Structures are given as C-alpha cells and as structure tokens.
Amino acid sequence: MALLLGKEYCKLDSNGRFKLPIALKRQLGEGDDGRFVIRPSIYAECLELWTYASFETEIKKLQQHLNPYSAEDRKLLRKMSEGNIIEMDTNDRLVIPSEQKAVLKKAKELVLQSIGDFIEIWDYDTYQQMNESATDFAALADRRLGSEPMSQQS
C-alpha cells in the first residue's frame, strides 16, 4: 500500500477523464496494477480515489471493527464500500463514472489532494472555497495533536 503525498492540478475532459499526474503515479506501489476504486466522500463535496489494494485493506479493516448483525454497522459498511472499480488506460487516464460526476458539478479543472492512503478529487472552485474557510489550523492541530500523546486520544 503506497503512501501518497502531494497536491496536483489536472483537467477533466468532456468524456469525464483525467490524466493521473506523474508525481502521483510515481508513488504507486509495485503491487498496484492500475485498478482503482472511486467513491463519493462522506466528509466533503469531493470524490475519493483509492488504489484497489488500499481500498481492499480499508474494507477488511472496517469489517473487523463492525458487527455484520447490527443494522447500523451494515448500513455504514454499505456506504463505506460504495464505489466503482476503474482502470487506468494506456495514457494514464482515469474515467469518472457518470453517477459520480455530479459531485464535481460541471468541473473542468480538478484538484487532486492526497490524504495518505487515498486521493481526494475536488472541483477546483469547491476546493478553493473549502481551503479559504476560516479554519484555524494551528488551534485544530493543538486540540487534536498537541494536548496529549496520540496513543491516548480517542
């Protein structure tokens, strides 16, 4: 499973394809075979792009933590495993499935923001608005990371 780092910009063509920037492509692990899973984020107005191997690991981890006999847990697992398998073509392009294009509105420019195990795919304008929010990141980091060792945080 590759650790993905960086923020890249790319264009979305009229067929819903974008070229995976070389800076991100180079970070893919040797076991990554060009298959990806794309799903809507539950946290923001963007899509998440996972390598197939990373997504498989994530779903297995969820299955270990959730009770398959709990209606709530099954509902959460269903939502978290909702996604489409897509494959990179010979020109390093990925196609966003039509049902997921709505998340990106009528985007022509995308921002690909890595989040470690996966990449968020944002409409450029939506990303700019989110990034310009009045969040005090220093205070947020202090609350979440600075007050006690991370192993003791819940």
N, C-alpha and C. Protein backbone atom coordinates (compact mmCIF):
# COMPACT_ATOMS: atom_id res chain seq x y z
N MET A 1 0.85 -1.18 0.00
CA MET A 1 0.00 0.00 0.00
C MET A 1 0.89 1.24 0.00
N ALA A 2 0.72 2.09 -0.98
CA ALA A 2 1.54 3.27 -1.14
C ALA A 2 1.02 4.42 -0.27
N LEU A 3 1.97 5.19 0.28
CA LEU A 3 1.64 6.42 0.97
C LEU A 3 1.71 7.52 -0.08
N LEU A 4 0.60 8.17 -0.34
CA LEU A 4 0.51 9.17 -1.39
C LEU A 4 0.62 10.57 -0.79
N LEU A 5 1.49 11.38 -1.36
CA LEU A 5 1.72 12.73 -0.87
C LEU A 5 1.65 13.73 -2.01
N GLY A 6 1.07 14.89 -1.74
CA GLY A 6 1.08 15.97 -2.71
C GLY A 6 -0.29 16.46 -3.10
N LYS A 7 -0.26 17.60 -3.77
CA LYS A 7 -1.46 18.22 -4.34
C LYS A 7 -1.13 18.52 -5.79
N GLU A 8 -2.00 18.07 -6.68
CA GLU A 8 -1.77 18.24 -8.11
C GLU A 8 -3.04 18.80 -8.76
N TYR A 9 -2.86 19.45 -9.88
CA TYR A 9 -3.96 20.01 -10.64
C TYR A 9 -4.01 19.32 -12.00
N CYS A 10 -5.22 19.10 -12.50
CA CYS A 10 -5.35 18.49 -13.83
C CYS A 10 -6.69 18.91 -14.44
N LYS A 11 -6.84 18.61 -15.71
CA LYS A 11 -8.05 18.94 -16.46
C LYS A 11 -8.94 17.71 -16.58
N LEU A 12 -10.24 17.95 -16.60
CA LEU A 12 -11.23 16.90 -16.83
C LEU A 12 -11.75 17.12 -18.25
N ASP A 13 -11.64 16.09 -19.09
CA ASP A 13 -12.09 16.27 -20.47
C ASP A 13 -13.60 16.04 -20.59
N SER A 14 -14.14 16.23 -21.77
CA SER A 14 -15.59 16.13 -21.97
C SER A 14 -16.12 14.71 -21.78
N ASN A 15 -15.24 13.71 -21.80
CA ASN A 15 -15.64 12.32 -21.56
C ASN A 15 -15.51 11.91 -20.10
N GLY A 16 -15.19 12.88 -19.22
CA GLY A 16 -15.06 12.58 -17.80
C GLY A 16 -13.75 11.92 -17.44
N ARG A 17 -12.72 12.12 -18.26
CA ARG A 17 -11.41 11.52 -18.00
C ARG A 17 -10.43 12.58 -17.52
N PHE A 18 -9.50 12.14 -16.68
CA PHE A 18 -8.39 12.99 -16.29
C PHE A 18 -7.13 12.13 -16.26
N LYS A 19 -6.01 12.79 -16.50
CA LYS A 19 -4.73 12.08 -16.51
C LYS A 19 -4.14 12.14 -15.11
N LEU A 20 -3.78 10.97 -14.58
CA LEU A 20 -3.17 10.92 -13.26
C LEU A 20 -1.79 11.58 -13.37
N PRO A 21 -1.56 12.67 -12.64
CA PRO A 21 -0.27 13.36 -12.73
C PRO A 21 0.89 12.42 -12.39
N ILE A 22 1.99 12.61 -13.10
CA ILE A 22 3.15 11.74 -12.96
C ILE A 22 3.69 11.74 -11.52
N ALA A 23 3.59 12.88 -10.83
CA ALA A 23 4.09 12.95 -9.45
C ALA A 23 3.33 11.99 -8.54
N LEU A 24 2.04 11.78 -8.80
CA LEU A 24 1.26 10.82 -8.02
C LEU A 24 1.46 9.40 -8.55
N LYS A 25 1.52 9.26 -9.85
CA LYS A 25 1.69 7.93 -10.44
C LYS A 25 2.99 7.27 -9.96
N ARG A 26 4.05 8.05 -9.85
CA ARG A 26 5.34 7.52 -9.40
C ARG A 26 5.30 6.99 -7.97
N GLN A 27 4.32 7.43 -7.20
CA GLN A 27 4.23 7.00 -5.80
C GLN A 27 3.46 5.69 -5.63
N LEU A 28 2.84 5.23 -6.67
CA LEU A 28 2.09 3.98 -6.57
C LEU A 28 3.06 2.84 -6.30
N GLY A 29 2.63 1.89 -5.49
CA GLY A 29 3.46 0.75 -5.15
C GLY A 29 3.60 -0.23 -6.30
N GLU A 30 4.58 -1.11 -6.20
CA GLU A 30 4.80 -2.11 -7.23
C GLU A 30 3.61 -3.05 -7.38
N GLY A 31 2.88 -3.30 -6.31
CA GLY A 31 1.73 -4.20 -6.37
C GLY A 31 0.49 -3.56 -6.97
N ASP A 32 0.53 -2.24 -7.19
CA ASP A 32 -0.62 -1.56 -7.76
C ASP A 32 -0.67 -1.84 -9.26
N ASP A 33 -1.81 -2.35 -9.71
CA ASP A 33 -1.92 -2.85 -11.07
C ASP A 33 -2.73 -1.96 -12.01
N GLY A 34 -2.93 -0.70 -11.64
CA GLY A 34 -3.69 0.20 -12.49
C GLY A 34 -5.18 0.20 -12.20
N ARG A 35 -5.60 -0.62 -11.21
CA ARG A 35 -7.01 -0.62 -10.80
C ARG A 35 -7.17 0.32 -9.62
N PHE A 36 -8.26 1.05 -9.64
CA PHE A 36 -8.57 1.99 -8.58
C PHE A 36 -10.03 1.83 -8.18
N VAL A 37 -10.38 2.35 -7.03
CA VAL A 37 -11.77 2.44 -6.60
C VAL A 37 -12.04 3.92 -6.37
N ILE A 38 -13.15 4.38 -6.91
CA ILE A 38 -13.54 5.77 -6.73
C ILE A 38 -14.91 5.78 -6.06
N ARG A 39 -15.04 6.63 -5.04
CA ARG A 39 -16.30 6.71 -4.30
C ARG A 39 -16.53 8.14 -3.83
N PRO A 40 -17.79 8.49 -3.58
CA PRO A 40 -18.07 9.81 -3.00
C PRO A 40 -17.58 9.85 -1.56
N SER A 41 -17.05 10.99 -1.16
CA SER A 41 -16.63 11.17 0.23
C SER A 41 -17.85 11.38 1.10
N ILE A 42 -17.80 10.87 2.33
CA ILE A 42 -18.89 11.15 3.28
C ILE A 42 -18.59 12.40 4.08
N TYR A 43 -17.39 12.95 3.92
CA TYR A 43 -16.95 14.09 4.73
C TYR A 43 -16.98 15.43 4.00
N ALA A 44 -16.89 15.39 2.68
CA ALA A 44 -16.79 16.64 1.93
C ALA A 44 -17.39 16.45 0.54
N GLU A 45 -17.53 17.54 -0.18
CA GLU A 45 -18.10 17.52 -1.52
C GLU A 45 -17.01 17.20 -2.55
N CYS A 46 -16.50 15.97 -2.45
CA CYS A 46 -15.43 15.53 -3.34
C CYS A 46 -15.54 14.02 -3.52
N LEU A 47 -14.68 13.48 -4.36
CA LEU A 47 -14.58 12.04 -4.55
C LEU A 47 -13.29 11.55 -3.92
N GLU A 48 -13.24 10.28 -3.61
CA GLU A 48 -12.03 9.66 -3.09
C GLU A 48 -11.54 8.63 -4.10
N LEU A 49 -10.25 8.67 -4.39
CA LEU A 49 -9.63 7.72 -5.31
C LEU A 49 -8.64 6.87 -4.52
N TRP A 50 -8.91 5.58 -4.49
CA TRP A 50 -8.09 4.62 -3.77
C TRP A 50 -7.44 3.67 -4.76
N THR A 51 -6.22 3.21 -4.49
CA THR A 51 -5.74 2.08 -5.27
C THR A 51 -6.61 0.90 -4.84
N TYR A 52 -6.76 -0.07 -5.71
CA TYR A 52 -7.59 -1.21 -5.38
C TYR A 52 -7.08 -1.91 -4.12
N ALA A 53 -5.75 -2.08 -4.02
CA ALA A 53 -5.16 -2.76 -2.86
C ALA A 53 -5.44 -1.99 -1.57
N SER A 54 -5.32 -0.67 -1.59
CA SER A 54 -5.59 0.14 -0.40
C SER A 54 -7.06 0.06 0.00
N PHE A 55 -7.94 0.08 -0.98
CA PHE A 55 -9.37 0.02 -0.69
C PHE A 55 -9.73 -1.34 -0.09
N GLU A 56 -9.15 -2.40 -0.64
CA GLU A 56 -9.40 -3.74 -0.12
C GLU A 56 -8.97 -3.82 1.35
N THR A 57 -7.80 -3.26 1.67
CA THR A 57 -7.31 -3.23 3.05
C THR A 57 -8.25 -2.44 3.94
N GLU A 58 -8.73 -1.30 3.45
CA GLU A 58 -9.64 -0.45 4.22
C GLU A 58 -10.95 -1.17 4.53
N ILE A 59 -11.51 -1.85 3.55
CA ILE A 59 -12.79 -2.55 3.76
C ILE A 59 -12.60 -3.72 4.73
N LYS A 60 -11.50 -4.43 4.63
CA LYS A 60 -11.23 -5.52 5.57
C LYS A 60 -11.10 -4.99 7.00
N LYS A 61 -10.46 -3.84 7.14
CA LYS A 61 -10.33 -3.20 8.46
C LYS A 61 -11.71 -2.82 9.00
N LEU A 62 -12.56 -2.27 8.16
CA LEU A 62 -13.92 -1.93 8.58
C LEU A 62 -14.69 -3.17 9.00
N GLN A 63 -14.57 -4.25 8.24
CA GLN A 63 -15.27 -5.48 8.56
C GLN A 63 -14.84 -6.03 9.92
N GLN A 64 -13.60 -5.82 10.29
CA GLN A 64 -13.12 -6.29 11.59
C GLN A 64 -13.69 -5.47 12.74
N HIS A 65 -14.01 -4.20 12.47
CA HIS A 65 -14.50 -3.31 13.52
C HIS A 65 -16.01 -3.21 13.60
N LEU A 66 -16.69 -3.66 12.57
CA LEU A 66 -18.14 -3.53 12.54
C LEU A 66 -18.81 -4.89 12.70
N ASN A 67 -19.98 -4.87 13.31
CA ASN A 67 -20.75 -6.08 13.55
C ASN A 67 -21.70 -6.31 12.37
N PRO A 68 -21.54 -7.39 11.61
CA PRO A 68 -22.40 -7.62 10.45
C PRO A 68 -23.87 -7.89 10.82
N TYR A 69 -24.14 -8.13 12.11
CA TYR A 69 -25.50 -8.39 12.56
C TYR A 69 -26.18 -7.14 13.12
N SER A 70 -25.46 -6.03 13.10
CA SER A 70 -26.02 -4.75 13.53
C SER A 70 -26.49 -4.00 12.29
N ALA A 71 -27.75 -3.57 12.31
CA ALA A 71 -28.30 -2.83 11.16
C ALA A 71 -27.51 -1.55 10.90
N GLU A 72 -27.14 -0.83 11.97
CA GLU A 72 -26.37 0.40 11.82
C GLU A 72 -25.00 0.13 11.21
N ASP A 73 -24.32 -0.90 11.70
CA ASP A 73 -23.00 -1.23 11.19
C ASP A 73 -23.05 -1.67 9.72
N ARG A 74 -24.07 -2.44 9.38
CA ARG A 74 -24.23 -2.87 7.97
C ARG A 74 -24.47 -1.66 7.07
N LYS A 75 -25.27 -0.72 7.57
CA LYS A 75 -25.55 0.49 6.79
C LYS A 75 -24.26 1.28 6.56
N LEU A 76 -23.45 1.40 7.59
CA LEU A 76 -22.18 2.11 7.48
C LEU A 76 -21.23 1.38 6.53
N LEU A 77 -21.12 0.07 6.67
CA LEU A 77 -20.26 -0.71 5.80
C LEU A 77 -20.71 -0.60 4.34
N ARG A 78 -22.01 -0.63 4.13
CA ARG A 78 -22.55 -0.49 2.77
C ARG A 78 -22.15 0.86 2.17
N LYS A 79 -22.27 1.91 2.96
CA LYS A 79 -21.92 3.25 2.47
C LYS A 79 -20.42 3.37 2.22
N MET A 80 -19.62 2.84 3.13
CA MET A 80 -18.17 2.97 3.01
C MET A 80 -17.59 2.11 1.88
N SER A 81 -18.29 1.04 1.51
CA SER A 81 -17.79 0.19 0.44
C SER A 81 -18.42 0.54 -0.91
N GLU A 82 -19.22 1.58 -0.92
CA GLU A 82 -19.86 2.05 -2.15
C GLU A 82 -18.81 2.70 -3.04
N GLY A 83 -18.58 2.14 -4.16
CA GLY A 83 -17.59 2.70 -5.07
C GLY A 83 -17.58 1.95 -6.38
N ASN A 84 -16.85 2.48 -7.32
CA ASN A 84 -16.71 1.85 -8.63
C ASN A 84 -15.25 1.52 -8.87
N ILE A 85 -15.01 0.34 -9.45
CA ILE A 85 -13.65 -0.02 -9.86
C ILE A 85 -13.42 0.62 -11.22
N ILE A 86 -12.32 1.34 -11.32
CA ILE A 86 -11.93 1.95 -12.59
C ILE A 86 -10.48 1.56 -12.88
N GLU A 87 -10.12 1.58 -14.15
CA GLU A 87 -8.76 1.19 -14.53
C GLU A 87 -8.10 2.31 -15.32
N MET A 88 -6.81 2.46 -15.10
CA MET A 88 -6.03 3.45 -15.82
C MET A 88 -5.80 2.93 -17.24
N ASP A 89 -6.00 3.79 -18.23
CA ASP A 89 -5.77 3.36 -19.60
C ASP A 89 -4.28 3.52 -19.96
N THR A 90 -3.93 3.24 -21.19
CA THR A 90 -2.51 3.28 -21.60
C THR A 90 -1.94 4.69 -21.60
N ASN A 91 -2.80 5.71 -21.54
CA ASN A 91 -2.35 7.10 -21.48
C ASN A 91 -2.42 7.66 -20.06
N ASP A 92 -2.51 6.77 -19.07
CA ASP A 92 -2.57 7.15 -17.65
C ASP A 92 -3.81 7.96 -17.30
N ARG A 93 -4.90 7.74 -18.04
CA ARG A 93 -6.15 8.44 -17.78
C ARG A 93 -7.10 7.55 -16.99
N LEU A 94 -7.91 8.19 -16.16
CA LEU A 94 -8.96 7.52 -15.40
C LEU A 94 -10.28 8.17 -15.76
N VAL A 95 -11.32 7.36 -15.86
CA VAL A 95 -12.66 7.86 -16.19
C VAL A 95 -13.50 7.90 -14.92
N ILE A 96 -14.09 9.05 -14.65
CA ILE A 96 -15.00 9.18 -13.52
C ILE A 96 -16.37 8.66 -13.96
N PRO A 97 -16.91 7.66 -13.26
CA PRO A 97 -18.22 7.12 -13.64
C PRO A 97 -19.29 8.21 -13.65
N SER A 98 -20.23 8.09 -14.56
CA SER A 98 -21.23 9.15 -14.76
C SER A 98 -22.02 9.48 -13.50
N GLU A 99 -22.36 8.46 -12.68
CA GLU A 99 -23.15 8.75 -11.48
C GLU A 99 -22.36 9.53 -10.44
N GLN A 100 -21.03 9.57 -10.57
CA GLN A 100 -20.22 10.30 -9.60
C GLN A 100 -19.78 11.68 -10.10
N LYS A 101 -19.98 11.94 -11.37
CA LYS A 101 -19.61 13.25 -11.92
C LYS A 101 -20.38 14.38 -11.27
N ALA A 102 -21.60 14.10 -10.82
CA ALA A 102 -22.43 15.14 -10.20
C ALA A 102 -21.75 15.76 -8.99
N VAL A 103 -20.95 14.99 -8.26
CA VAL A 103 -20.24 15.50 -7.09
C VAL A 103 -19.30 16.64 -7.49
N LEU A 104 -18.76 16.54 -8.70
CA LEU A 104 -17.79 17.53 -9.17
C LEU A 104 -18.45 18.67 -9.95
N LYS A 105 -19.77 18.69 -9.92
CA LYS A 105 -20.55 19.70 -10.63
C LYS A 105 -20.19 19.68 -12.11
N LYS A 106 -19.89 20.80 -12.68
CA LYS A 106 -19.51 20.85 -14.10
C LYS A 106 -18.03 21.19 -14.21
N ALA A 107 -17.23 20.54 -13.40
CA ALA A 107 -15.81 20.85 -13.31
C ALA A 107 -15.09 20.63 -14.63
N LYS A 108 -14.16 21.51 -14.89
CA LYS A 108 -13.23 21.33 -16.00
C LYS A 108 -11.81 21.19 -15.45
N GLU A 109 -11.61 21.79 -14.28
CA GLU A 109 -10.31 21.69 -13.61
C GLU A 109 -10.50 20.97 -12.28
N LEU A 110 -9.57 20.08 -11.98
CA LEU A 110 -9.63 19.30 -10.76
C LEU A 110 -8.42 19.57 -9.89
N VAL A 111 -8.61 19.39 -8.59
CA VAL A 111 -7.51 19.38 -7.64
C VAL A 111 -7.46 17.97 -7.07
N LEU A 112 -6.30 17.35 -7.14
CA LEU A 112 -6.07 16.03 -6.55
C LEU A 112 -5.25 16.25 -5.30
N GLN A 113 -5.86 16.03 -4.15
CA GLN A 113 -5.21 16.25 -2.86
C GLN A 113 -5.03 14.91 -2.17
N SER A 114 -3.77 14.51 -1.97
CA SER A 114 -3.55 13.21 -1.32
C SER A 114 -3.83 13.31 0.17
N ILE A 115 -4.33 12.19 0.71
CA ILE A 115 -4.66 12.10 2.13
C ILE A 115 -3.99 10.84 2.69
N GLY A 116 -2.82 10.54 2.25
CA GLY A 116 -2.10 9.36 2.74
C GLY A 116 -2.41 8.12 1.95
N ASP A 117 -3.49 7.41 2.30
CA ASP A 117 -3.86 6.16 1.63
C ASP A 117 -4.69 6.38 0.38
N PHE A 118 -5.23 7.58 0.20
CA PHE A 118 -6.10 7.84 -0.95
C PHE A 118 -5.95 9.29 -1.38
N ILE A 119 -6.60 9.61 -2.48
CA ILE A 119 -6.55 10.95 -3.06
C ILE A 119 -7.97 11.51 -3.11
N GLU A 120 -8.13 12.73 -2.64
CA GLU A 120 -9.42 13.42 -2.81
C GLU A 120 -9.41 14.10 -4.18
N ILE A 121 -10.53 14.00 -4.88
CA ILE A 121 -10.70 14.65 -6.18
C ILE A 121 -11.72 15.75 -6.00
N TRP A 122 -11.28 16.99 -6.19
CA TRP A 122 -12.12 18.16 -5.97
C TRP A 122 -12.34 18.93 -7.26
N ASP A 123 -13.51 19.50 -7.41
CA ASP A 123 -13.74 20.56 -8.37
C ASP A 123 -12.86 21.73 -7.90
N TYR A 124 -12.14 22.37 -8.80
CA TYR A 124 -11.20 23.43 -8.43
C TYR A 124 -11.85 24.52 -7.59
N ASP A 125 -13.00 25.02 -8.03
CA ASP A 125 -13.67 26.12 -7.30
C ASP A 125 -14.11 25.70 -5.90
N THR A 126 -14.66 24.49 -5.78
CA THR A 126 -15.10 23.99 -4.47
C THR A 126 -13.90 23.84 -3.53
N TYR A 127 -12.78 23.35 -4.07
CA TYR A 127 -11.57 23.20 -3.28
C TYR A 127 -11.08 24.56 -2.78
N GLN A 128 -11.08 25.55 -3.66
CA GLN A 128 -10.63 26.89 -3.27
C GLN A 128 -11.51 27.45 -2.15
N GLN A 129 -12.83 27.29 -2.27
CA GLN A 129 -13.74 27.77 -1.23
C GLN A 129 -13.48 27.07 0.09
N MET A 130 -13.31 25.76 0.05
CA MET A 130 -13.05 24.99 1.27
C MET A 130 -11.71 25.42 1.88
N ASN A 131 -10.73 25.61 1.05
CA ASN A 131 -9.39 25.94 1.52
C ASN A 131 -9.31 27.35 2.09
N GLU A 132 -10.21 28.22 1.67
CA GLU A 132 -10.23 29.59 2.16
C GLU A 132 -11.12 29.77 3.38
N SER A 133 -11.67 28.67 3.90
CA SER A 133 -12.54 28.76 5.07
C SER A 133 -11.76 29.33 6.25
N ALA A 134 -12.47 29.77 7.25
CA ALA A 134 -11.85 30.43 8.40
C ALA A 134 -11.33 29.45 9.44
N THR A 135 -10.90 28.28 9.02
CA THR A 135 -10.39 27.28 9.96
C THR A 135 -9.04 27.73 10.52
N ASP A 136 -8.92 27.68 11.83
CA ASP A 136 -7.64 27.96 12.49
C ASP A 136 -6.91 26.63 12.63
N PHE A 137 -6.03 26.32 11.66
CA PHE A 137 -5.37 25.02 11.64
C PHE A 137 -4.40 24.83 12.79
N ALA A 138 -3.79 25.90 13.27
CA ALA A 138 -2.89 25.79 14.41
C ALA A 138 -3.67 25.37 15.66
N ALA A 139 -4.82 25.98 15.89
CA ALA A 139 -5.64 25.62 17.04
C ALA A 139 -6.19 24.20 16.90
N LEU A 140 -6.60 23.85 15.69
CA LEU A 140 -7.10 22.49 15.44
C LEU A 140 -6.01 21.45 15.71
N ALA A 141 -4.81 21.70 15.23
CA ALA A 141 -3.70 20.78 15.47
C ALA A 141 -3.39 20.67 16.96
N ASP A 142 -3.44 21.80 17.65
CA ASP A 142 -3.18 21.77 19.10
C ASP A 142 -4.25 20.95 19.83
N ARG A 143 -5.52 21.14 19.47
CA ARG A 143 -6.60 20.38 20.11
C ARG A 143 -6.49 18.89 19.82
N ARG A 144 -6.22 18.54 18.58
CA ARG A 144 -6.23 17.13 18.19
C ARG A 144 -4.89 16.43 18.41
N LEU A 145 -3.79 17.16 18.35
CA LEU A 145 -2.48 16.51 18.39
C LEU A 145 -1.56 16.98 19.51
N GLY A 146 -1.80 18.15 20.05
CA GLY A 146 -0.83 18.73 20.96
C GLY A 146 -1.04 18.52 22.43
N SER A 147 -2.25 18.22 22.87
CA SER A 147 -2.51 18.22 24.30
C SER A 147 -2.13 16.93 25.01
N GLU A 148 -2.10 15.81 24.32
CA GLU A 148 -1.74 14.54 24.95
C GLU A 148 -1.17 13.61 23.89
N PRO A 149 -0.44 12.59 24.29
CA PRO A 149 0.08 11.67 23.29
C PRO A 149 -1.03 11.07 22.45
N MET A 150 -0.75 10.91 21.14
CA MET A 150 -1.78 10.42 20.22
C MET A 150 -2.30 9.03 20.62
N SER A 151 -1.48 8.21 21.24
CA SER A 151 -1.93 6.88 21.64
C SER A 151 -3.00 6.92 22.72
N GLN A 152 -3.11 8.05 23.43
CA GLN A 152 -4.11 8.18 24.49
C GLN A 152 -5.38 8.89 24.02
N GLN A 153 -5.34 9.47 22.80
CA GLN A 153 -6.51 10.16 22.29
C GLN A 153 -7.51 9.15 21.79
N SER A 154 -8.79 9.50 21.88
CA SER A 154 -9.83 8.59 21.38
C SER A 154 -10.28 8.98 20.01
